[in-house]
């Protein structure tokens, strides 16, 4: 008999993907074979997302879909992990007998033991603590392309936004030590990673628990010394913790992408207060002004929630006006999701789905126009582009991203070029554009690595 085959589906955000990578590493180390063919898998694992209604529904649909492999494929057991299982363990066990094993967000290091139990026909339920940090020697198996990776710098969250369930799912904020993160980043560089993306529920809080002060700037400086790495990108920063030291680090470190992701959620003072966001509109405006003055060509990504309980037409119009004036390069718009066990979920003034969808449409249309106008300004400019893949098209035969674009969530650059190996950084002149993507021609190979 050959190796036991494991199929894994990872849903949700990049932070969830890093958990999946840890599970895959543990399983490979334990002698299991990983397959992407669901019908061949002896065990199927779904790493779920349970953040908002849309994500919960996707997770449930995936569980139901893959459970069919017990009848039509080789599947002998279905294991559920991640945020949905942490949040709704009892309901899932009661309502979905298809599930054979279920663990929370802090037990990924036990996945090989869970598989072993499920293979013998035993049902497994986790203990659901929320204070675990994975240790130095646990294996990791990257699931991103060779040239970029995510480095999770902390677990959990200490922010208490009124709309968010993450602290109750993931626990308190726990930073990983410097040594652990640097060793992981060095390993990534040796494996061919060019771009490292720093992530956490709140990256800007890094170190406050361990070192009693904000240490993200110091972490960035240490990672920047790793010769194999070329780009360092910072995602998911909280606006009240964008310090002058962090701004200067982004400005002065050549390897740091001039790109910052700061989820703002809204601009209206009353809405921000009800969201339990300890910042007001003027402070946000001042922060953005400071950032743009300090760092030329800075690309800002943010996200906004429309249809928060009690949001009036005037407050929504204020948000649109704010977006028009600030002209963020990258924006994610989300409709408010009413979640149980949150302060906002119990607030009066819940808004209908139809109104939320209309506000979503208007905000997206506005940002699409802004993005189009900003892209137009890039015509004839040259950018360093990390080439990600080859295309069948003869006109634009490669695609990649500049430092202005985070993986998976931002636009792409489609380019003409010759003999480029994915993972190389080349110089590209922009020759065309649309709402979100750019077109260009390779000028020269910038990085011979």
Protein backbone atom coordinates (compact mmCIF):
# COMPACT_ATOMS: atom_id res chain seq x y z
CA UNK A 1 0.00 0.00 0.00
CA UNK A 2 1.31 3.44 -0.93
CA UNK A 3 1.39 6.55 1.19
CA UNK A 4 -1.85 7.93 2.60
CA UNK A 5 -2.92 10.85 0.41
CA UNK A 6 -4.13 14.10 1.98
CA UNK A 7 -6.06 16.81 0.13
CA UNK A 8 -6.21 20.28 1.69
CA UNK A 9 -8.41 23.24 0.78
CA UNK A 10 -7.45 26.62 2.30
CA UNK A 11 -10.18 29.26 2.42
CA UNK A 12 -10.07 32.89 3.54
CA UNK A 13 -7.15 35.24 3.96
CA UNK A 14 -3.38 34.97 3.67
CA UNK A 15 -3.15 34.56 7.45
CA UNK A 16 -5.21 31.39 7.09
CA UNK A 17 -2.92 30.23 4.27
CA UNK A 18 0.11 30.38 6.56
CA UNK A 19 -1.74 28.06 8.96
CA UNK A 20 -2.40 25.68 6.08
CA UNK A 21 1.30 25.79 5.20
CA UNK A 22 2.14 24.73 8.74
CA UNK A 23 -0.31 21.81 8.55
CA UNK A 24 1.09 20.66 5.20
CA UNK A 25 4.62 20.81 6.60
CA UNK A 26 3.61 18.70 9.57
CA UNK A 27 1.85 16.14 7.38
CA UNK A 28 4.73 15.84 4.90
CA UNK A 29 7.16 15.40 7.80
CA UNK A 30 4.93 12.62 9.13
CA UNK A 31 5.12 10.73 5.84
CA UNK A 32 1.81 11.65 4.24
CA UNK A 33 1.48 12.54 0.55
CA UNK A 34 -0.27 15.77 -0.41
CA UNK A 35 -2.57 15.69 -3.44
CA UNK A 36 -4.59 18.38 -5.21
CA UNK A 37 -6.91 15.76 -6.70
CA UNK A 38 -9.84 15.53 -4.31
CA UNK A 39 -11.06 12.20 -5.68
CA UNK A 40 -7.71 10.54 -4.87
CA UNK A 41 -7.43 11.84 -1.29
CA UNK A 42 -7.79 9.39 1.59
CA UNK A 43 -8.33 12.30 3.97
CA UNK A 44 -9.70 15.75 3.06
CA UNK A 45 -8.93 18.78 5.24
CA UNK A 46 -10.73 22.12 4.91
CA UNK A 47 -9.12 25.12 6.63
CA UNK A 48 -12.18 27.34 6.98
CA UNK A 49 -12.91 31.05 7.32
CA UNK A 50 -15.62 32.27 9.69
CA UNK A 51 -15.14 36.02 9.70
CA UNK A 52 -18.29 37.27 7.94
CA UNK A 53 -21.46 35.72 6.54
CA UNK A 54 -20.17 35.35 2.99
CA UNK A 55 -17.03 33.55 4.19
CA UNK A 56 -19.04 31.29 6.51
CA UNK A 57 -21.32 30.29 3.65
CA UNK A 58 -18.37 29.50 1.39
CA UNK A 59 -16.88 27.31 4.12
CA UNK A 60 -20.14 25.41 4.68
CA UNK A 61 -20.67 24.92 0.94
CA UNK A 62 -17.12 23.56 0.61
CA UNK A 63 -17.68 21.11 3.48
CA UNK A 64 -20.89 19.83 1.87
CA UNK A 65 -19.28 19.59 -1.56
CA UNK A 66 -16.17 17.73 -0.43
CA UNK A 67 -18.11 15.42 1.87
CA UNK A 68 -19.49 13.82 -1.30
CA UNK A 69 -16.02 12.38 -1.93
CA UNK A 70 -16.82 9.83 0.77
CA UNK A 71 -19.29 8.28 -1.66
CA UNK A 72 -17.67 8.99 -5.04
CA UNK A 73 -13.94 9.11 -4.22
CA UNK A 74 -11.37 7.53 -1.92
CA UNK A 75 -12.14 9.77 1.05
CA UNK A 76 -12.20 7.96 4.40
CA UNK A 77 -12.39 11.05 6.58
CA UNK A 78 -13.21 14.77 6.51
CA UNK A 79 -11.37 17.10 8.90
CA UNK A 80 -12.39 20.72 9.50
CA UNK A 81 -9.98 23.30 10.89
CA UNK A 82 -9.76 27.08 11.16
CA UNK A 83 -11.97 30.00 12.15
CA UNK A 84 -15.37 28.45 11.39
CA UNK A 85 -14.58 25.36 13.44
CA UNK A 86 -13.21 27.50 16.28
CA UNK A 87 -16.34 29.65 16.30
CA UNK A 88 -19.05 27.06 15.65
CA UNK A 89 -17.61 23.77 16.83
CA UNK A 90 -20.72 22.50 18.63
CA UNK A 91 -23.13 23.49 15.84
CA UNK A 92 -20.94 21.89 13.18
CA UNK A 93 -20.67 18.63 15.11
CA UNK A 94 -24.43 18.57 15.74
CA UNK A 95 -25.56 19.50 12.24
CA UNK A 96 -22.89 17.98 9.98
CA UNK A 97 -22.32 14.29 10.72
CA UNK A 98 -20.10 14.21 7.61
CA UNK A 99 -17.31 15.74 9.74
CA UNK A 100 -14.91 13.20 11.25
CA UNK A 101 -12.41 15.53 12.89
CA UNK A 102 -12.61 19.14 13.99
CA UNK A 103 -9.94 21.38 15.51
CA UNK A 104 -9.63 25.10 16.21
CA UNK A 105 -7.15 27.79 15.26
CA UNK A 106 -4.47 26.84 17.77
CA UNK A 107 -4.11 23.12 17.17
CA UNK A 108 -2.63 22.93 13.68
CA UNK A 109 0.51 21.36 15.16
CA UNK A 110 -1.62 18.33 16.06
CA UNK A 111 -2.94 17.73 12.55
CA UNK A 112 -0.88 14.56 11.98
CA UNK A 113 -2.31 13.04 15.17
CA UNK A 114 -5.84 14.02 14.12
CA UNK A 115 -5.36 12.35 10.72
CA UNK A 116 -4.06 9.21 12.41
CA UNK A 117 -7.14 9.00 14.64
CA UNK A 118 -9.59 9.65 11.81
CA UNK A 119 -7.94 6.96 9.66
CA UNK A 120 -8.71 4.40 12.38
CA UNK A 121 -12.38 5.45 12.36
CA UNK A 122 -12.18 7.54 15.52
CA UNK A 123 -13.96 10.91 15.69
CA UNK A 124 -11.81 13.80 16.94
CA UNK A 125 -12.79 17.03 18.68
CA UNK A 126 -10.18 19.62 19.65
CA UNK A 127 -9.82 21.39 23.00
CA UNK A 128 -10.01 24.92 21.57
CA UNK A 129 -7.51 26.93 23.58
CA UNK A 130 -6.63 30.35 22.12
CA UNK A 131 -3.14 31.00 23.42
CA UNK A 132 -0.85 28.71 21.43
CA UNK A 133 2.19 29.91 19.48
CA UNK A 134 3.84 27.51 17.07
CA UNK A 135 7.37 26.59 18.06
CA UNK A 136 10.65 27.09 16.25
CA UNK A 137 11.13 23.55 15.03
CA UNK A 138 7.70 22.97 13.50
CA UNK A 139 7.99 22.38 9.76
CA UNK A 140 6.49 24.64 7.16
CA UNK A 141 5.60 23.96 3.52
CA UNK A 142 5.03 27.07 1.42
CA UNK A 143 1.97 27.02 -0.82
CA UNK A 144 2.66 30.33 -2.55
CA UNK A 145 4.68 30.54 -5.79
CA UNK A 146 8.42 30.32 -5.26
CA UNK A 147 9.03 34.05 -5.63
CA UNK A 148 6.78 35.43 -2.88
CA UNK A 149 5.74 34.39 0.61
CA UNK A 150 3.73 35.50 3.61
CA UNK A 151 5.41 35.83 7.00
CA UNK A 152 2.94 35.96 9.88
CA UNK A 153 4.50 38.02 12.67
CA UNK A 154 1.83 37.48 15.33
CA UNK A 155 -1.31 35.57 16.26
CA UNK A 156 -4.56 36.97 17.67
CA UNK A 157 -5.78 40.54 18.11
CA UNK A 158 -6.21 43.00 20.97
CA UNK A 159 -8.28 45.54 19.02
CA UNK A 160 -11.93 45.38 19.94
CA UNK A 161 -13.70 46.68 16.84
CA UNK A 162 -17.44 46.39 17.48
CA UNK A 163 -18.10 44.55 14.20
CA UNK A 164 -15.35 41.94 14.49
CA UNK A 165 -15.23 38.43 15.97
CA UNK A 166 -11.52 37.80 15.40
CA UNK A 167 -10.37 38.36 19.03
CA UNK A 168 -12.91 35.79 20.25
CA UNK A 169 -11.75 33.33 17.56
CA UNK A 170 -8.01 33.91 17.56
CA UNK A 171 -7.38 35.06 21.13
CA UNK A 172 -5.13 37.81 22.46
CA UNK A 173 -2.28 39.28 20.43
CA UNK A 174 0.90 37.16 20.61
CA UNK A 175 4.02 38.28 18.75
CA UNK A 176 6.56 35.78 17.46
CA UNK A 177 10.12 36.46 18.67
CA UNK A 178 12.64 38.21 16.43
CA UNK A 179 14.86 35.14 16.13
CA UNK A 180 12.01 32.93 14.93
CA UNK A 181 10.88 35.41 12.27
CA UNK A 182 14.39 36.18 11.04
CA UNK A 183 15.21 32.48 10.70
CA UNK A 184 12.00 31.92 8.73
CA UNK A 185 12.72 34.92 6.49
CA UNK A 186 16.28 33.70 5.86
CA UNK A 187 14.98 30.26 4.91
CA UNK A 188 12.47 31.84 2.51
CA UNK A 189 15.26 33.85 0.87
CA UNK A 190 17.37 30.73 0.40
CA UNK A 191 14.37 29.02 -1.22
CA UNK A 192 14.15 31.72 -3.89
CA UNK A 193 11.61 34.11 -2.36
CA UNK A 194 12.06 37.64 -3.70
CA UNK A 195 9.10 39.32 -1.99
CA UNK A 196 8.12 38.81 1.62
CA UNK A 197 4.74 40.06 2.84
CA UNK A 198 4.49 40.77 6.58
CA UNK A 199 1.04 39.89 7.92
CA UNK A 200 -0.91 39.62 11.18
CA UNK A 201 -4.33 40.70 12.36
CA UNK A 202 -2.54 43.96 13.25
CA UNK A 203 1.02 44.05 11.95
CA UNK A 204 1.70 47.49 13.44
CA UNK A 205 1.25 46.16 17.00
CA UNK A 206 4.16 43.74 16.55
CA UNK A 207 6.35 43.38 19.64
CA UNK A 208 4.20 45.33 22.10
CA UNK A 209 3.39 42.22 24.13
CA UNK A 210 6.86 40.65 23.99
CA UNK A 211 9.15 43.67 24.11
CA UNK A 212 6.84 46.30 25.70
CA UNK A 213 7.18 48.62 22.71
CA UNK A 214 6.23 48.68 19.03
CA UNK A 215 8.96 46.76 17.21
CA UNK A 216 7.76 46.53 13.60
CA UNK A 217 10.40 49.06 12.40
CA UNK A 218 13.17 47.02 14.02
CA UNK A 219 11.83 43.79 12.53
CA UNK A 220 11.74 45.37 9.06
CA UNK A 221 15.33 46.60 9.40
CA UNK A 222 16.53 43.12 10.37
CA UNK A 223 14.70 41.42 7.52
CA UNK A 224 16.06 44.03 5.09
CA UNK A 225 19.58 42.79 5.89
CA UNK A 226 18.81 39.38 4.37
CA UNK A 227 20.62 39.52 1.04
CA UNK A 228 18.41 37.04 -0.83
CA UNK A 229 15.25 39.10 -0.31
CA UNK A 230 14.48 42.05 -2.58
CA UNK A 231 11.04 43.36 -1.60
CA UNK A 232 9.42 43.66 1.84
CA UNK A 233 5.73 44.55 1.93
CA UNK A 234 3.75 45.59 5.02
CA UNK A 235 0.09 44.60 5.21
CA UNK A 236 -2.72 45.16 7.77
CA UNK A 237 -1.52 48.13 9.84
CA UNK A 238 -3.76 49.87 12.37
CA UNK A 239 -3.94 53.64 11.79
CA UNK A 240 -3.22 54.68 15.39
CA UNK A 241 0.06 52.75 15.40
CA UNK A 242 1.67 54.24 12.28
CA UNK A 243 4.57 55.82 14.16
CA UNK A 244 7.13 58.29 12.87
CA UNK A 245 9.75 55.56 13.25
CA UNK A 246 7.73 53.22 11.02
CA UNK A 247 7.26 55.95 8.42
CA UNK A 248 10.98 56.69 8.34
CA UNK A 249 11.79 52.97 8.10
CA UNK A 250 9.52 52.58 5.08
CA UNK A 251 11.05 55.69 3.54
CA UNK A 252 14.71 54.85 4.16
CA UNK A 253 14.90 51.08 3.66
CA UNK A 254 15.38 50.46 -0.06
CA UNK A 255 13.92 46.95 0.06
CA UNK A 256 10.66 48.08 1.64
CA UNK A 257 7.89 48.55 -0.92
CA UNK A 258 6.51 52.07 -0.81
CA UNK A 259 3.14 50.53 -0.11
CA UNK A 260 1.13 50.46 3.07
CA UNK A 261 -2.12 48.68 3.86
CA UNK A 262 -4.14 50.57 6.53
CA UNK A 263 -7.74 49.39 6.92
CA UNK A 264 -9.69 52.52 7.95
CA UNK A 265 -13.27 51.11 7.80
CA UNK A 266 -14.95 54.57 7.64
CA UNK A 267 -14.30 58.30 7.94
CA UNK A 268 -17.37 59.61 9.77
CA UNK A 269 -16.60 60.37 13.42
CA UNK A 270 -19.87 58.95 14.77
CA UNK A 271 -19.53 55.72 12.80
CA UNK A 272 -15.87 55.34 13.79
CA UNK A 273 -16.80 55.77 17.47
CA UNK A 274 -19.56 53.15 17.18
CA UNK A 275 -17.09 50.83 15.45
CA UNK A 276 -14.85 51.34 18.51
CA UNK A 277 -12.08 52.71 16.31
CA UNK A 278 -10.01 55.12 18.46
CA UNK A 279 -9.40 57.68 15.71
CA UNK A 280 -11.41 60.46 14.09
CA UNK A 281 -11.64 61.81 10.58
CA UNK A 282 -9.23 64.71 11.08
CA UNK A 283 -6.61 62.40 12.58
CA UNK A 284 -6.97 60.10 9.57
CA UNK A 285 -6.57 63.04 7.17
CA UNK A 286 -3.50 64.21 9.10
CA UNK A 287 -1.99 60.70 8.99
CA UNK A 288 -2.50 60.36 5.24
CA UNK A 289 -1.03 63.81 4.65
CA UNK A 290 2.00 62.95 6.79
CA UNK A 291 2.54 59.66 4.96
CA UNK A 292 2.29 61.16 1.49
CA UNK A 293 4.60 64.04 2.36
CA UNK A 294 7.19 61.75 3.92
CA UNK A 295 7.18 59.01 1.27
CA UNK A 296 6.99 60.12 -2.38
CA UNK A 297 4.97 57.79 -4.64
CA UNK A 298 3.53 55.93 -1.64
CA UNK A 299 0.71 53.55 -2.57
CA UNK A 300 -2.01 53.31 0.09
CA UNK A 301 -4.42 50.42 0.33
CA UNK A 302 -7.41 50.65 2.66
CA UNK A 303 -10.79 49.07 3.23
CA UNK A 304 -14.18 50.51 4.09
CA UNK A 305 -17.39 49.03 5.46
CA UNK A 306 -20.66 50.33 4.02
CA UNK A 307 -24.04 49.81 5.63
CA UNK A 308 -22.80 49.78 9.23
CA UNK A 309 -25.75 49.95 11.67
CA UNK A 310 -27.20 53.45 11.71
CA UNK A 311 -25.15 54.71 8.74
CA UNK A 312 -27.23 57.50 7.24
CA UNK A 313 -27.28 58.61 3.61
CA UNK A 314 -25.36 61.72 4.71
CA UNK A 315 -22.68 59.65 6.42
CA UNK A 316 -22.34 57.42 3.37
CA UNK A 317 -22.09 60.52 1.15
CA UNK A 318 -19.34 61.76 3.48
CA UNK A 319 -17.45 58.53 2.89
CA UNK A 320 -17.71 58.92 -0.90
CA UNK A 321 -16.50 62.52 -0.63
CA UNK A 322 -13.60 61.35 1.54
CA UNK A 323 -12.62 58.70 -1.02
CA UNK A 324 -12.78 61.31 -3.79
CA UNK A 325 -10.49 63.69 -1.91
CA UNK A 326 -8.01 61.14 -0.57
CA UNK A 327 -7.71 59.24 -3.86
CA UNK A 328 -6.45 55.99 -2.36
CA UNK A 329 -4.62 53.87 -4.90
CA UNK A 330 -6.17 50.62 -3.65
CA UNK A 331 -9.52 50.20 -1.87
CA UNK A 332 -11.52 47.19 -0.73
CA UNK A 333 -15.22 47.78 -0.09
CA UNK A 334 -17.20 45.45 2.17
CA UNK A 335 -20.87 45.41 3.07
CA UNK A 336 -21.44 45.22 6.82
CA UNK A 337 -22.04 41.66 8.03
CA UNK A 338 -24.18 41.39 11.17
CA UNK A 339 -22.37 38.89 13.38
CA UNK A 340 -23.60 37.38 16.63
CA UNK A 341 -21.42 37.91 19.69
CA UNK A 342 -20.37 41.37 18.50
CA UNK A 343 -21.42 44.75 19.88
CA UNK A 344 -22.45 45.96 16.42
CA UNK A 345 -24.58 42.88 15.86
CA UNK A 346 -26.88 44.04 18.66
CA UNK A 347 -27.02 47.70 17.63
CA UNK A 348 -30.24 49.36 16.54
CA UNK A 349 -30.50 50.67 13.00
CA UNK A 350 -29.48 47.53 11.10
CA UNK A 351 -29.57 48.37 7.38
CA UNK A 352 -31.30 46.31 4.71
CA UNK A 353 -29.26 44.16 2.34
CA UNK A 354 -30.62 46.10 -0.65
CA UNK A 355 -29.36 49.41 0.72
CA UNK A 356 -25.99 47.88 1.62
CA UNK A 357 -25.60 46.50 -1.89
CA UNK A 358 -26.49 49.83 -3.48
CA UNK A 359 -23.92 51.64 -1.34
CA UNK A 360 -21.36 48.97 -2.20
CA UNK A 361 -22.05 49.51 -5.90
CA UNK A 362 -21.67 53.29 -5.65
CA UNK A 363 -18.41 53.07 -3.67
CA UNK A 364 -16.94 50.52 -6.07
CA UNK A 365 -17.88 52.60 -9.10
CA UNK A 366 -16.19 55.64 -7.57
CA UNK A 367 -13.01 53.73 -6.76
CA UNK A 368 -12.96 52.18 -10.23
CA UNK A 369 -12.92 55.67 -11.76
CA UNK A 370 -10.20 56.86 -9.36
CA UNK A 371 -8.10 53.77 -10.12
CA UNK A 372 -8.53 54.34 -13.87
CA UNK A 373 -7.38 57.97 -13.54
CA UNK A 374 -4.37 57.00 -11.42
CA UNK A 375 -3.41 54.27 -13.88
CA UNK A 376 -3.57 56.77 -16.73
CA UNK A 377 -0.90 58.84 -14.97
CA UNK A 378 1.49 55.86 -15.19
CA UNK A 379 1.68 55.89 -19.00
CA UNK A 380 5.28 55.95 -20.28
CA UNK A 381 6.71 55.52 -16.78
CA UNK A 382 9.05 52.65 -15.94
CA UNK A 383 8.58 50.18 -13.10
CA UNK A 384 10.47 47.25 -11.64
CA UNK A 385 8.16 44.27 -12.16
CA UNK A 386 8.30 40.90 -10.44
CA UNK A 387 7.32 38.52 -13.25
CA UNK A 388 4.84 35.91 -12.01
CA UNK A 389 3.94 33.84 -15.03
CA UNK A 390 3.89 33.24 -18.78
CA UNK A 391 0.78 33.73 -20.94
CA UNK A 392 -0.33 32.03 -24.15
CA UNK A 393 -1.08 35.43 -25.71
CA UNK A 394 1.42 36.59 -28.31
CA UNK A 395 0.83 40.28 -27.63
CA UNK A 396 1.36 40.27 -23.86
CA UNK A 397 3.14 37.05 -23.04
CA UNK A 398 4.00 37.58 -19.35
CA UNK A 399 2.34 39.03 -16.29
CA UNK A 400 3.63 40.32 -12.99
CA UNK A 401 3.36 42.96 -10.30
CA UNK A 402 5.22 46.11 -9.36
CA UNK A 403 5.88 47.20 -5.77
CA UNK A 404 2.55 49.03 -6.04
CA UNK A 405 0.60 45.75 -6.08
CA UNK A 406 0.21 43.18 -3.32
CA UNK A 407 -0.28 39.57 -4.38
CA UNK A 408 -3.81 38.26 -4.89
CA UNK A 409 -5.66 41.50 -4.04
CA UNK A 410 -4.28 44.17 -6.40
CA UNK A 411 -3.93 44.66 -10.14
CA UNK A 412 -1.41 43.12 -12.53
CA UNK A 413 0.95 44.29 -15.23
CA UNK A 414 0.70 42.39 -18.53
CA UNK A 415 3.88 42.78 -20.55
CA UNK A 416 5.72 41.90 -23.71
CA UNK A 417 9.06 40.27 -23.11
CA UNK A 418 11.49 37.55 -24.12
CA UNK A 419 13.03 34.66 -22.23
CA UNK A 420 11.92 35.73 -18.73
CA UNK A 421 11.93 33.20 -15.93
CA UNK A 422 9.05 33.75 -13.49
CA UNK A 423 10.46 35.17 -10.29
CA UNK A 424 12.82 37.54 -12.10
CA UNK A 425 12.52 41.31 -11.63
CA UNK A 426 12.60 43.25 -14.90
CA UNK A 427 12.15 46.88 -15.84
CA UNK A 428 8.92 47.59 -17.72
CA UNK A 429 7.69 50.69 -19.53
CA UNK A 430 3.92 51.22 -19.23
CA UNK A 431 2.21 51.46 -22.62
CA UNK A 432 -1.46 50.96 -21.73
CA UNK A 433 -3.97 50.65 -18.89
CA UNK A 434 -7.51 49.82 -17.85
CA UNK A 435 -9.43 50.23 -14.59
CA UNK A 436 -7.11 48.11 -12.47
CA UNK A 437 -4.37 46.56 -14.64
CA UNK A 438 -1.49 47.95 -16.67
CA UNK A 439 0.12 46.97 -19.99
CA UNK A 440 3.80 47.34 -20.73
CA UNK A 441 6.98 46.31 -22.54
CA UNK A 442 10.13 44.96 -20.96
CA UNK A 443 12.95 47.50 -21.13
CA UNK A 444 15.70 45.50 -19.48
CA UNK A 445 16.37 42.76 -16.97
CA UNK A 446 16.85 44.63 -13.72
CA UNK A 447 17.64 41.71 -11.45
CA UNK A 448 19.90 38.97 -12.70
CA UNK A 449 19.10 36.81 -9.71
